């Protein structure tokens, strides 16, 4: 028997018991004729004590233990004289009588502690060592508990966990597929699923009624932001449902998860329309842990000769701003930093107008030449400005202004600690557009995927003004991060045909890309809909991680490389010949 107990379970009630423990040596220290060893496993740390007065040879062996040696000890639980109440085992230690070295370790390349000295690149290369650190280990444990809580909740509501294949047909779902060549059919390829979207809809046609799967998904995207080429979803689908059923079931699932994982009573999830999210927060994933709404000024600005505002309004643009509460004392340097922030290429504003409501009651602005104090105070009423507030105003194309002010709102929230670290903002965003225009080509494309059901009240615009059609789609947003996306699906063949017509898909295109699904709908498709949770991002937020790499056991770098396994790599010519593949440019 390697152990009778784990390193995290012994406490004062076990004093006097003979025990056997196994684990990794965290550290050793020799003090006054005694050697202390911290023994670590997944469950915690237990202090071992070796007494030089009673067994010199045993104590000498303990002094030679290196970090990360795997050892087994036998001894008696005794009460510690110097207790550490910060850990569950801190009131006891083990008086060791037998020591067995199971496996020696080379000196690890970085400290196996939360405050490690290893760079992320080094830790990714030795990920199996990094996982030993309590911080990362606890995140993976939380991930396992999340999966268990999800299964518990969905199983109790008659959902069936059904696996779908990882080798499927390549279909357009918004990102590039990873392709897998067929050895038996040269020139033909499988695709790895971006999601089981079509397959789960076919399961509804098959009468499975309620499906879920904790599933790996794959997208061959250019690496930008916090993304991975493979990721995990809780994928779900329901038959004979309306949007309200989705909100009830999966809002309830998040409440269940929060209670299980955080012992936190998450309230019922509020809803915000997509248009309002963009209008007030400049984002379809607003963080509502603090207020600071965007305020439109086009209709409330006093008349002036200020060309920046006038030109924006006359050209169909927008003048809007936010109230940086308590920031009127910002220095010129701090304000200039905000200006540079909104000037960044992906935002593209030319600058910001500021109005300061100073603590002494005066009002000053960067446009005093065009507005008198009374007019500035009138503008301030739109923001409910008080003493100490700083108004930041932008004028440009509507989308550019909203995007920039939305980003600026979040930047100020972080800089000024407006976000309560113990608060949670979990909301539904609803009524997304069904179609959108490609900015470069002007072509109509689907905003989510081509199987989202249009809002029945908007069918009148389907042929004449399709961008006005709302979809029965919804996102769940946690602390400003999208963690769920889904929709009510199209189950009527005629409406599906209308969507394909608006997308410009020919009958040949439809048959080639979606024929198997359209054929299935000929045999009776129930009303259905569903969603998919991004597991990696949910766990990142719940555990306080900074990137999804923090909660994935063996992630890729931001550039898509596996530093631990050194992948992707070149394969030999024999393998390529078997697949009928030649690498462009040769090996």
Protein backbone atom coordinates (compact mmCIF):
# COMPACT_ATOMS: atom_id res chain seq x y z
CA UNK A 1 0.00 0.00 0.00
CA UNK A 2 1.54 3.29 -1.09
CA UNK A 3 -0.59 5.37 1.29
CA UNK A 4 -3.27 5.15 3.95
CA UNK A 5 -4.13 8.86 3.68
CA UNK A 6 -3.57 11.78 1.33
CA UNK A 7 -1.43 14.78 2.21
CA UNK A 8 -4.48 16.96 2.67
CA UNK A 9 -6.74 15.03 5.01
CA UNK A 10 -4.90 14.52 8.33
CA UNK A 11 -5.85 16.81 11.19
CA UNK A 12 -5.75 17.06 14.98
CA UNK A 13 -8.32 14.29 15.36
CA UNK A 14 -5.81 11.81 13.88
CA UNK A 15 -3.08 12.38 16.52
CA UNK A 16 -1.57 9.06 17.62
CA UNK A 17 -2.46 7.16 14.43
CA UNK A 18 0.12 5.29 12.37
CA UNK A 19 -0.05 6.42 8.75
CA UNK A 20 1.59 5.94 5.39
CA UNK A 21 1.88 8.91 3.00
CA UNK A 22 3.27 9.28 -0.52
CA UNK A 23 3.96 12.37 -2.58
CA UNK A 24 6.46 14.92 -3.85
CA UNK A 25 9.01 16.78 -1.73
CA UNK A 26 8.05 20.46 -1.76
CA UNK A 27 10.99 21.61 0.36
CA UNK A 28 13.28 20.53 3.21
CA UNK A 29 14.82 22.51 6.05
CA UNK A 30 17.19 21.43 8.83
CA UNK A 31 16.69 23.19 12.18
CA UNK A 32 18.33 22.37 15.50
CA UNK A 33 18.92 18.67 15.05
CA UNK A 34 15.63 18.11 13.26
CA UNK A 35 14.77 18.02 9.57
CA UNK A 36 11.37 19.15 8.32
CA UNK A 37 10.01 18.11 4.94
CA UNK A 38 6.85 19.42 3.27
CA UNK A 39 5.23 16.52 1.41
CA UNK A 40 2.79 17.47 -1.35
CA UNK A 41 0.20 15.66 -3.42
CA UNK A 42 -2.94 16.78 -5.26
CA UNK A 43 -4.86 17.08 -2.00
CA UNK A 44 -2.52 19.28 0.02
CA UNK A 45 0.68 19.46 2.06
CA UNK A 46 1.69 17.61 5.24
CA UNK A 47 4.75 18.42 7.29
CA UNK A 48 7.12 15.56 8.10
CA UNK A 49 9.63 15.65 10.93
CA UNK A 50 12.86 13.60 11.18
CA UNK A 51 14.59 13.63 14.59
CA UNK A 52 18.39 13.41 14.60
CA UNK A 53 18.37 12.43 18.27
CA UNK A 54 16.38 9.23 17.67
CA UNK A 55 17.56 8.12 14.21
CA UNK A 56 20.69 9.76 12.83
CA UNK A 57 20.75 7.67 9.64
CA UNK A 58 17.11 8.41 8.80
CA UNK A 59 17.62 12.11 9.41
CA UNK A 60 20.72 12.06 7.22
CA UNK A 61 18.74 10.47 4.36
CA UNK A 62 16.05 13.14 4.76
CA UNK A 63 18.67 15.87 4.50
CA UNK A 64 19.67 14.52 1.10
CA UNK A 65 16.17 14.64 -0.37
CA UNK A 66 15.87 16.95 -3.38
CA UNK A 67 12.94 19.01 -4.53
CA UNK A 68 10.30 16.95 -6.36
CA UNK A 69 11.67 13.58 -5.18
CA UNK A 70 8.76 11.12 -4.95
CA UNK A 71 8.86 9.44 -1.54
CA UNK A 72 6.83 7.23 0.76
CA UNK A 73 6.96 7.61 4.55
CA UNK A 74 5.52 5.77 7.52
CA UNK A 75 5.11 7.31 10.92
CA UNK A 76 2.86 8.61 13.67
CA UNK A 77 0.63 11.69 13.61
CA UNK A 78 1.67 14.13 16.35
CA UNK A 79 0.54 17.61 17.33
CA UNK A 80 2.70 20.45 16.05
CA UNK A 81 4.20 22.84 18.55
CA UNK A 82 4.32 25.64 15.96
CA UNK A 83 1.00 25.45 14.13
CA UNK A 84 0.08 26.79 10.70
CA UNK A 85 -3.64 27.47 10.70
CA UNK A 86 -3.57 28.58 7.04
CA UNK A 87 -3.65 24.97 5.81
CA UNK A 88 -6.00 22.10 6.83
CA UNK A 89 -3.08 19.94 8.06
CA UNK A 90 -1.35 22.77 9.90
CA UNK A 91 -2.02 21.50 13.43
CA UNK A 92 -0.21 18.20 12.96
CA UNK A 93 2.96 16.67 11.56
CA UNK A 94 4.23 13.15 10.99
CA UNK A 95 6.99 11.75 13.20
CA UNK A 96 8.66 9.68 10.46
CA UNK A 97 10.00 6.21 11.25
CA UNK A 98 10.49 4.89 7.71
CA UNK A 99 11.47 6.62 4.47
CA UNK A 100 11.38 5.08 0.98
CA UNK A 101 12.57 6.99 -2.08
CA UNK A 102 10.27 5.95 -4.93
CA UNK A 103 11.73 8.20 -7.62
CA UNK A 104 14.47 10.81 -7.66
CA UNK A 105 14.08 14.09 -9.55
CA UNK A 106 16.46 16.37 -11.35
CA UNK A 107 16.35 19.97 -10.19
CA UNK A 108 13.18 21.36 -11.81
CA UNK A 109 13.63 24.28 -14.25
CA UNK A 110 11.41 26.57 -12.16
CA UNK A 111 9.91 26.76 -8.68
CA UNK A 112 6.87 24.52 -8.22
CA UNK A 113 5.05 27.24 -6.30
CA UNK A 114 2.40 29.85 -7.09
CA UNK A 115 5.05 32.58 -6.97
CA UNK A 116 7.12 30.73 -9.55
CA UNK A 117 10.17 32.13 -11.29
CA UNK A 118 9.36 30.38 -14.57
CA UNK A 119 8.28 32.27 -17.70
CA UNK A 120 5.06 31.15 -19.39
CA UNK A 121 7.04 29.70 -22.31
CA UNK A 122 9.18 27.61 -19.95
CA UNK A 123 6.14 26.47 -17.98
CA UNK A 124 4.35 25.43 -21.17
CA UNK A 125 7.36 23.38 -22.21
CA UNK A 126 7.28 21.59 -18.84
CA UNK A 127 3.51 21.71 -18.41
CA UNK A 128 3.45 18.48 -16.39
CA UNK A 129 5.56 20.30 -13.77
CA UNK A 130 3.49 23.48 -13.99
CA UNK A 131 0.34 21.51 -13.18
CA UNK A 132 1.90 20.57 -9.82
CA UNK A 133 1.65 24.23 -8.75
CA UNK A 134 -1.38 24.71 -6.46
CA UNK A 135 -2.82 27.56 -8.55
CA UNK A 136 -2.97 25.59 -11.78
CA UNK A 137 -3.86 22.33 -10.08
CA UNK A 138 -6.83 23.98 -8.35
CA UNK A 139 -8.09 25.39 -11.66
CA UNK A 140 -8.09 21.94 -13.24
CA UNK A 141 -9.92 20.57 -10.20
CA UNK A 142 -12.49 23.36 -10.56
CA UNK A 143 -12.88 22.42 -14.21
CA UNK A 144 -13.64 18.82 -13.25
CA UNK A 145 -16.17 20.01 -10.65
CA UNK A 146 -17.79 22.26 -13.26
CA UNK A 147 -18.21 19.31 -15.63
CA UNK A 148 -19.69 17.23 -12.83
CA UNK A 149 -22.13 20.01 -11.87
CA UNK A 150 -23.23 20.42 -15.49
CA UNK A 151 -23.86 16.69 -15.86
CA UNK A 152 -25.72 16.56 -12.56
CA UNK A 153 -28.01 19.43 -13.58
CA UNK A 154 -28.72 18.32 -17.15
CA UNK A 155 -29.11 14.63 -16.31
CA UNK A 156 -31.78 15.59 -13.77
CA UNK A 157 -33.70 17.40 -16.55
CA UNK A 158 -33.85 14.47 -18.96
CA UNK A 159 -30.98 15.56 -21.19
CA UNK A 160 -29.07 12.71 -22.83
CA UNK A 161 -25.29 12.87 -23.17
CA UNK A 162 -24.65 11.75 -26.77
CA UNK A 163 -21.29 11.71 -28.53
CA UNK A 164 -20.95 12.99 -32.09
CA UNK A 165 -18.09 12.21 -34.52
CA UNK A 166 -14.85 14.15 -34.81
CA UNK A 167 -14.41 13.30 -38.49
CA UNK A 168 -17.15 15.06 -40.43
CA UNK A 169 -17.91 16.92 -43.68
CA UNK A 170 -16.43 20.38 -44.13
CA UNK A 171 -19.22 22.99 -43.95
CA UNK A 172 -19.09 26.81 -43.76
CA UNK A 173 -19.67 27.84 -40.15
CA UNK A 174 -17.77 31.11 -39.96
CA UNK A 175 -14.19 29.91 -39.45
CA UNK A 176 -11.67 27.80 -41.34
CA UNK A 177 -11.87 24.02 -40.84
CA UNK A 178 -8.98 21.80 -39.84
CA UNK A 179 -8.83 19.20 -42.60
CA UNK A 180 -7.89 15.52 -42.19
CA UNK A 181 -6.80 13.67 -45.33
CA UNK A 182 -8.23 10.25 -46.10
CA UNK A 183 -5.62 7.54 -46.77
CA UNK A 184 -8.21 5.29 -48.42
CA UNK A 185 -9.70 8.00 -50.66
CA UNK A 186 -6.88 10.17 -51.97
CA UNK A 187 -7.90 13.76 -52.57
CA UNK A 188 -10.79 13.59 -50.10
CA UNK A 189 -10.77 15.14 -46.65
CA UNK A 190 -12.64 14.99 -43.40
CA UNK A 191 -12.99 18.13 -41.30
CA UNK A 192 -12.69 18.42 -37.55
CA UNK A 193 -15.91 19.95 -36.18
CA UNK A 194 -15.99 23.65 -35.36
CA UNK A 195 -19.00 22.61 -33.31
CA UNK A 196 -21.55 19.78 -33.50
CA UNK A 197 -24.14 22.30 -34.77
CA UNK A 198 -25.62 20.30 -37.64
CA UNK A 199 -25.25 16.98 -35.84
CA UNK A 200 -27.16 18.11 -32.78
CA UNK A 201 -29.96 19.44 -34.97
CA UNK A 202 -30.11 16.04 -36.67
CA UNK A 203 -30.41 14.46 -33.21
CA UNK A 204 -33.52 16.59 -32.69
CA UNK A 205 -34.90 15.34 -36.03
CA UNK A 206 -34.07 11.86 -34.74
CA UNK A 207 -36.36 12.42 -31.76
CA UNK A 208 -33.74 12.54 -28.97
CA UNK A 209 -35.57 15.60 -27.58
CA UNK A 210 -32.85 16.82 -25.18
CA UNK A 211 -29.15 16.41 -25.92
CA UNK A 212 -25.90 17.61 -24.40
CA UNK A 213 -22.22 16.88 -24.80
CA UNK A 214 -19.02 18.20 -23.24
CA UNK A 215 -17.21 18.26 -26.54
CA UNK A 216 -13.92 19.27 -28.13
CA UNK A 217 -14.22 21.72 -31.03
CA UNK A 218 -11.64 22.88 -33.57
CA UNK A 219 -11.14 26.10 -35.55
CA UNK A 220 -8.19 26.84 -37.80
CA UNK A 221 -8.18 30.58 -37.11
CA UNK A 222 -5.39 33.11 -37.27
CA UNK A 223 -4.14 33.48 -33.73
CA UNK A 224 -5.36 36.73 -32.25
CA UNK A 225 -6.61 37.46 -28.79
CA UNK A 226 -7.06 34.73 -26.23
CA UNK A 227 -7.90 31.76 -28.45
CA UNK A 228 -6.90 28.15 -28.92
CA UNK A 229 -7.17 25.95 -32.02
CA UNK A 230 -9.03 23.37 -29.94
CA UNK A 231 -11.44 24.24 -27.17
CA UNK A 232 -14.27 22.73 -25.13
CA UNK A 233 -17.99 23.44 -25.18
CA UNK A 234 -21.00 22.28 -23.24
CA UNK A 235 -23.13 21.75 -26.34
CA UNK A 236 -26.90 21.52 -25.84
CA UNK A 237 -30.11 21.22 -27.86
CA UNK A 238 -33.83 20.94 -26.99
CA UNK A 239 -36.95 20.08 -28.98
CA UNK A 240 -40.43 21.59 -28.65
CA UNK A 241 -39.11 24.73 -27.02
CA UNK A 242 -39.25 28.51 -27.14
CA UNK A 243 -36.59 31.08 -26.23
CA UNK A 244 -38.04 31.32 -22.75
CA UNK A 245 -37.30 27.63 -22.18
CA UNK A 246 -33.64 28.27 -23.00
CA UNK A 247 -33.47 31.19 -20.58
CA UNK A 248 -35.07 29.14 -17.81
CA UNK A 249 -33.06 25.94 -18.27
CA UNK A 250 -29.61 27.37 -18.93
CA UNK A 251 -29.93 30.38 -16.69
CA UNK A 252 -30.81 27.82 -14.03
CA UNK A 253 -27.76 25.78 -14.99
CA UNK A 254 -25.46 28.73 -14.34
CA UNK A 255 -27.14 29.33 -10.99
CA UNK A 256 -26.55 25.65 -10.16
CA UNK A 257 -22.89 25.87 -11.21
CA UNK A 258 -22.28 29.01 -9.14
CA UNK A 259 -23.79 27.38 -6.07
CA UNK A 260 -21.75 24.19 -6.53
CA UNK A 261 -18.45 25.82 -7.46
CA UNK A 262 -18.50 29.15 -5.62
CA UNK A 263 -21.26 28.63 -3.02
CA UNK A 264 -22.73 31.83 -4.49
CA UNK A 265 -26.43 32.49 -5.03
CA UNK A 266 -26.51 33.93 -8.53
CA UNK A 267 -29.74 35.89 -9.08
CA UNK A 268 -31.99 35.37 -12.08
CA UNK A 269 -30.17 36.55 -15.18
CA UNK A 270 -31.33 39.96 -16.48
CA UNK A 271 -31.72 40.55 -20.21
CA UNK A 272 -30.54 43.36 -22.45
CA UNK A 273 -31.32 43.81 -26.13
CA UNK A 274 -28.41 43.77 -28.58
CA UNK A 275 -29.22 47.28 -29.83
CA UNK A 276 -29.27 48.64 -26.27
CA UNK A 277 -26.01 46.88 -25.41
CA UNK A 278 -24.32 48.55 -28.37
CA UNK A 279 -25.96 51.91 -27.67
CA UNK A 280 -25.18 52.15 -23.97
CA UNK A 281 -22.01 50.07 -23.64
CA UNK A 282 -20.48 49.95 -27.13
CA UNK A 283 -20.30 46.15 -27.02
CA UNK A 284 -22.51 43.10 -27.45
CA UNK A 285 -20.86 41.68 -24.33
CA UNK A 286 -21.22 44.47 -21.78
CA UNK A 287 -19.71 44.26 -18.31
CA UNK A 288 -22.45 45.49 -15.96
CA UNK A 289 -20.43 45.31 -12.73
CA UNK A 290 -20.33 49.11 -12.96
CA UNK A 291 -22.51 51.73 -14.66
CA UNK A 292 -20.92 54.42 -16.86
CA UNK A 293 -23.29 54.27 -19.83
CA UNK A 294 -22.58 55.92 -23.16
CA UNK A 295 -24.73 59.04 -23.53
CA UNK A 296 -25.86 60.16 -27.02
CA UNK A 297 -25.68 63.93 -27.48
CA UNK A 298 -26.87 64.56 -31.05
CA UNK A 299 -30.26 65.90 -29.97
CA UNK A 300 -29.20 67.73 -26.79
CA UNK A 301 -26.10 69.66 -27.85
CA UNK A 302 -26.51 73.44 -27.71
CA UNK A 303 -25.90 75.25 -30.97
CA UNK A 304 -22.28 76.20 -31.53
CA UNK A 305 -19.61 76.84 -34.16
CA UNK A 306 -17.67 73.73 -33.14
CA UNK A 307 -17.09 72.02 -36.50
CA UNK A 308 -16.08 68.59 -35.09
CA UNK A 309 -19.50 68.10 -33.51
CA UNK A 310 -21.45 69.75 -36.32
CA UNK A 311 -19.73 67.80 -39.10
CA UNK A 312 -20.26 64.48 -37.35
CA UNK A 313 -23.98 65.09 -36.95
CA UNK A 314 -24.47 66.46 -40.49
CA UNK A 315 -22.76 63.40 -42.00
CA UNK A 316 -25.03 61.00 -40.11
CA UNK A 317 -22.49 60.23 -37.40
CA UNK A 318 -22.67 60.46 -33.64
CA UNK A 319 -21.56 62.71 -30.81
CA UNK A 320 -21.56 60.79 -27.53
CA UNK A 321 -19.62 60.50 -24.32
CA UNK A 322 -19.16 58.86 -20.94
CA UNK A 323 -18.89 60.23 -17.41
CA UNK A 324 -15.61 59.27 -15.76
CA UNK A 325 -16.94 59.84 -12.27
CA UNK A 326 -14.41 61.27 -9.82
CA UNK A 327 -11.76 61.83 -12.50
CA UNK A 328 -11.90 65.62 -12.91
CA UNK A 329 -8.48 65.90 -11.26
CA UNK A 330 -6.82 63.80 -13.98
CA UNK A 331 -3.51 65.33 -15.04
CA UNK A 332 -2.73 66.36 -18.60
CA UNK A 333 -0.58 63.24 -18.91
CA UNK A 334 -3.43 60.98 -17.76
CA UNK A 335 -5.86 62.61 -20.20
CA UNK A 336 -3.35 62.32 -23.05
CA UNK A 337 -3.07 58.58 -22.30
CA UNK A 338 -6.84 58.27 -22.75
CA UNK A 339 -6.63 60.15 -26.05
CA UNK A 340 -3.91 57.80 -27.30
CA UNK A 341 -6.05 54.86 -26.19
CA UNK A 342 -8.98 55.87 -28.44
CA UNK A 343 -6.60 56.80 -31.28
CA UNK A 344 -5.32 53.22 -31.51
CA UNK A 345 -5.69 51.83 -35.04
CA UNK A 346 -8.52 49.38 -34.20
CA UNK A 347 -10.54 52.26 -32.71
CA UNK A 348 -9.40 55.15 -34.89
CA UNK A 349 -10.82 58.22 -33.18
CA UNK A 350 -9.03 61.49 -33.83
CA UNK A 351 -9.33 62.63 -30.21
CA UNK A 352 -11.56 63.35 -27.20
CA UNK A 353 -13.26 66.46 -25.88
CA UNK A 354 -13.16 66.80 -22.10
CA UNK A 355 -15.41 68.74 -19.74
CA UNK A 356 -14.27 68.96 -16.11
CA UNK A 357 -16.74 69.56 -13.28
CA UNK A 358 -14.17 70.63 -10.71
CA UNK A 359 -14.49 70.19 -6.97
CA UNK A 360 -14.50 73.98 -6.50
CA UNK A 361 -17.70 74.18 -8.55
CA UNK A 362 -16.16 75.57 -11.74
CA UNK A 363 -16.60 73.95 -15.14
CA UNK A 364 -13.73 73.89 -17.63
CA UNK A 365 -13.35 72.16 -20.98
CA UNK A 366 -11.07 71.68 -23.96
CA UNK A 367 -13.72 73.51 -26.06
CA UNK A 368 -14.24 76.65 -23.96
CA UNK A 369 -13.74 78.64 -27.16
CA UNK A 370 -17.04 77.28 -28.54
CA UNK A 371 -19.20 76.71 -25.44
CA UNK A 372 -19.81 78.98 -22.48
CA UNK A 373 -20.13 77.67 -18.93
CA UNK A 374 -23.94 77.61 -19.04
CA UNK A 375 -23.86 75.48 -22.20
CA UNK A 376 -21.29 73.13 -20.66
CA UNK A 377 -23.50 72.68 -17.60
CA UNK A 378 -26.42 71.95 -19.92
CA UNK A 379 -24.38 69.18 -21.57
CA UNK A 380 -23.46 67.91 -18.10
CA UNK A 381 -27.14 67.38 -17.26
CA UNK A 382 -27.31 64.60 -19.84
CA UNK A 383 -24.63 62.77 -17.83
CA UNK A 384 -25.96 63.73 -14.39
CA UNK A 385 -22.50 65.25 -13.88
CA UNK A 386 -21.48 66.14 -10.33
CA UNK A 387 -18.49 67.89 -8.77
CA UNK A 388 -15.36 65.87 -9.46
CA UNK A 389 -16.63 64.29 -12.70
CA UNK A 390 -14.84 64.24 -16.04
CA UNK A 391 -16.90 64.02 -19.24
CA UNK A 392 -15.15 62.42 -22.22
CA UNK A 393 -16.86 63.07 -25.57
CA UNK A 394 -16.18 61.69 -29.05
CA UNK A 395 -17.54 62.58 -32.51
CA UNK A 396 -17.22 60.41 -35.61
CA UNK A 397 -19.00 57.56 -37.41
CA UNK A 398 -21.54 55.98 -35.10
CA UNK A 399 -19.95 52.53 -34.98
CA UNK A 400 -16.49 54.00 -34.35
CA UNK A 401 -17.72 56.22 -31.51
CA UNK A 402 -19.62 53.43 -29.78
CA UNK A 403 -16.75 50.95 -30.11
CA UNK A 404 -14.17 53.44 -28.83
CA UNK A 405 -16.25 54.69 -25.90
CA UNK A 406 -17.14 51.10 -24.98
CA UNK A 407 -13.45 50.20 -24.84
CA UNK A 408 -12.66 53.42 -22.95
CA UNK A 409 -15.39 52.64 -20.43
CA UNK A 410 -13.73 49.30 -19.64
CA UNK A 411 -10.27 50.87 -19.50
CA UNK A 412 -11.45 53.45 -16.98
CA UNK A 413 -13.24 50.75 -15.00
CA UNK A 414 -9.96 48.85 -14.61
CA UNK A 415 -7.83 51.94 -13.93
CA UNK A 416 -10.18 53.27 -11.27
CA UNK A 417 -11.20 49.95 -9.70
CA UNK A 418 -14.87 50.52 -10.50
CA UNK A 419 -15.39 46.74 -10.74
CA UNK A 420 -16.07 45.00 -7.44
CA UNK A 421 -13.80 41.91 -7.53
CA UNK A 422 -16.43 39.97 -5.57
CA UNK A 423 -19.30 40.95 -7.89
CA UNK A 424 -20.61 38.92 -10.82
CA UNK A 425 -22.37 40.24 -13.90
CA UNK A 426 -24.09 37.36 -15.71
CA UNK A 427 -26.70 38.48 -18.25
CA UNK A 428 -28.54 37.47 -21.41
CA UNK A 429 -28.05 39.56 -24.56
CA UNK A 430 -30.98 39.02 -26.95
CA UNK A 431 -32.41 40.11 -30.31
CA UNK A 432 -29.23 39.98 -32.40
CA UNK A 433 -29.49 40.76 -36.14
CA UNK A 434 -30.02 37.74 -38.37
CA UNK A 435 -27.97 39.13 -41.26
CA UNK A 436 -25.12 41.59 -41.54
CA UNK A 437 -23.31 43.25 -44.43
CA UNK A 438 -19.71 42.37 -45.09
CA UNK A 439 -17.81 45.65 -44.64
CA UNK A 440 -15.55 45.03 -47.63
CA UNK A 441 -17.80 43.36 -50.20
CA UNK A 442 -21.18 44.70 -49.08
CA UNK A 443 -22.61 41.19 -49.41
CA UNK A 444 -25.22 39.91 -46.98
CA UNK A 445 -23.99 37.15 -44.71
CA UNK A 446 -25.33 35.41 -41.62
CA UNK A 447 -24.43 37.02 -38.29
CA UNK A 448 -24.22 33.69 -36.45
CA UNK A 449 -24.91 30.67 -38.68
CA UNK A 450 -27.50 30.02 -41.42
CA UNK A 451 -29.83 27.94 -39.21
CA UNK A 452 -30.90 30.70 -36.77
CA UNK A 453 -34.64 31.29 -36.79
CA UNK A 454 -35.76 34.82 -37.68
CA UNK A 455 -37.97 36.70 -35.25
CA UNK A 456 -41.57 36.15 -36.44
CA UNK A 457 -42.38 39.88 -36.06
CA UNK A 458 -39.67 40.77 -38.61
CA UNK A 459 -40.59 38.48 -41.50
CA UNK A 460 -42.05 41.53 -43.28
CA UNK A 461 -38.51 42.83 -43.83
CA UNK A 462 -37.05 39.55 -45.04
CA UNK A 463 -37.05 40.37 -48.75
CA UNK A 464 -36.97 44.18 -48.68
CA UNK A 465 -34.55 45.03 -45.83
CA UNK A 466 -32.98 41.85 -44.45
CA UNK A 467 -30.55 43.66 -42.12
CA UNK A 468 -33.59 44.76 -40.06
CA UNK A 469 -34.55 41.16 -39.33
CA UNK A 470 -33.81 40.10 -35.78
CA UNK A 471 -32.76 36.55 -35.05
CA UNK A 472 -33.98 34.44 -32.19
CA UNK A 473 -30.41 34.30 -30.95
CA UNK A 474 -28.98 34.95 -27.52
CA UNK A 475 -25.66 35.18 -25.75
CA UNK A 476 -24.84 34.77 -22.10
CA UNK A 477 -22.23 37.27 -20.93
CA UNK A 478 -20.18 36.98 -17.74
CA UNK A 479 -18.15 39.98 -16.55
CA UNK A 480 -17.87 41.30 -20.10
CA UNK A 481 -17.01 37.93 -21.69
CA UNK A 482 -19.28 35.92 -23.97
CA UNK A 483 -19.60 32.46 -22.41
CA UNK A 484 -22.63 31.10 -24.30
CA UNK A 485 -24.12 31.57 -27.73
CA UNK A 486 -27.20 29.96 -29.17
CA UNK A 487 -30.45 30.30 -31.05
CA UNK A 488 -33.83 28.91 -31.85
CA UNK A 489 -33.26 26.96 -35.07
CA UNK A 490 -35.14 27.00 -38.34
CA UNK A 491 -37.25 23.85 -38.62
CA UNK A 492 -39.41 24.89 -41.59
CA UNK A 493 -37.89 24.08 -44.97
CA UNK A 494 -39.44 27.12 -46.69
CA UNK A 495 -37.89 29.57 -44.21
CA UNK A 496 -34.54 27.83 -44.50
CA UNK A 497 -34.77 28.28 -48.26
CA UNK A 498 -35.48 32.01 -47.77
CA UNK A 499 -32.35 32.37 -45.64
CA UNK A 500 -30.25 30.60 -48.25
CA UNK A 501 -31.73 32.88 -50.95
CA UNK A 502 -30.70 35.99 -49.01
CA UNK A 503 -27.22 34.56 -48.60
CA UNK A 504 -26.98 34.05 -52.36
CA UNK A 505 -26.52 30.28 -52.15
CA UNK A 506 -27.44 28.50 -55.36
CA UNK A 507 -29.41 25.21 -55.25
CA UNK A 508 -26.14 23.45 -56.10
CA UNK A 509 -24.36 25.17 -53.18
CA UNK A 510 -27.13 24.20 -50.78
CA UNK A 511 -27.14 20.61 -51.85
CA UNK A 512 -23.36 20.33 -51.77
CA UNK A 513 -22.94 21.95 -48.34
CA UNK A 514 -26.15 21.16 -46.48
CA UNK A 515 -27.99 18.56 -48.57
CA UNK A 516 -27.92 15.87 -45.88
CA UNK A 517 -29.48 18.26 -43.37
CA UNK A 518 -32.14 19.61 -45.74
CA UNK A 519 -33.05 16.05 -46.69
CA UNK A 520 -33.47 15.19 -43.02
CA UNK A 521 -35.91 18.07 -42.58
CA UNK A 522 -38.17 16.46 -45.21
CA UNK A 523 -39.04 13.79 -42.67
CA UNK A 524 -40.50 15.92 -39.91
CA UNK A 525 -38.34 18.31 -37.89
CA UNK A 526 -39.58 19.48 -34.48
CA UNK A 527 -39.22 23.08 -33.28
CA UNK A 528 -35.82 23.10 -31.60
CA UNK A 529 -33.01 25.29 -30.35
CA UNK A 530 -29.96 25.23 -28.21
CA UNK A 531 -26.70 26.77 -27.16
CA UNK A 532 -23.06 26.10 -26.40
CA UNK A 533 -21.09 27.19 -23.34
CA UNK A 534 -17.40 28.01 -23.72
CA UNK A 535 -16.02 25.88 -20.89
CA UNK A 536 -12.48 27.29 -21.02
CA UNK A 537 -13.65 30.88 -20.62
CA UNK A 538 -16.18 30.07 -17.89
CA UNK A 539 -13.53 28.33 -15.81
CA UNK A 540 -11.05 31.14 -16.45
CA UNK A 541 -13.53 33.65 -15.04
CA UNK A 542 -14.64 31.49 -12.11
CA UNK A 543 -11.05 30.75 -11.09
CA UNK A 544 -9.63 34.24 -11.60
CA UNK A 545 -7.34 33.23 -14.46
CA UNK A 546 -5.99 35.78 -16.93
CA UNK A 547 -6.10 33.62 -20.07
CA UNK A 548 -7.82 30.41 -21.11
CA UNK A 549 -4.36 28.80 -21.22
CA UNK A 550 -4.50 28.97 -17.41
CA UNK A 551 -7.36 26.45 -17.28
CA UNK A 552 -6.41 24.01 -20.06
CA UNK A 553 -4.23 21.07 -19.05
CA UNK A 554 -2.03 21.11 -22.16
CA UNK A 555 -2.64 24.31 -24.15
CA UNK A 556 -0.99 25.73 -27.23
CA UNK A 557 0.90 29.03 -27.23
CA UNK A 558 -0.68 32.20 -28.58
CA UNK A 559 1.03 31.26 -31.86
CA UNK A 560 -0.52 27.77 -31.95
CA UNK A 561 2.52 25.70 -30.94
CA UNK A 562 2.63 22.88 -28.43
CA UNK A 563 5.97 23.54 -26.76
CA UNK A 564 5.81 20.41 -24.65
CA UNK A 565 5.31 17.94 -27.53
CA UNK A 566 6.92 20.20 -30.15
CA UNK A 567 3.93 20.25 -32.47
CA UNK A 568 3.07 20.83 -35.24
CA UNK A 569 6.03 19.15 -36.93
CA UNK A 570 7.03 17.99 -40.40
CA UNK A 571 6.13 14.35 -41.10
CA UNK A 572 8.21 12.04 -43.23
CA UNK A 573 7.63 11.57 -46.96
CA UNK A 574 6.38 8.00 -46.55
CA UNK A 575 3.39 9.19 -44.50
CA UNK A 576 2.59 11.86 -47.07
CA UNK A 577 2.82 9.37 -49.93
CA UNK A 578 0.35 7.08 -48.17
CA UNK A 579 -2.07 9.99 -48.04
CA UNK A 580 -1.44 11.06 -51.62
CA UNK A 581 -0.20 14.46 -50.48
CA UNK A 582 2.70 16.53 -51.78
CA UNK A 583 3.86 19.52 -49.74
CA UNK A 584 4.05 22.69 -51.80
CA UNK A 585 7.70 23.52 -52.29
CA UNK A 586 8.83 20.05 -51.22
CA UNK A 587 10.15 18.78 -47.93
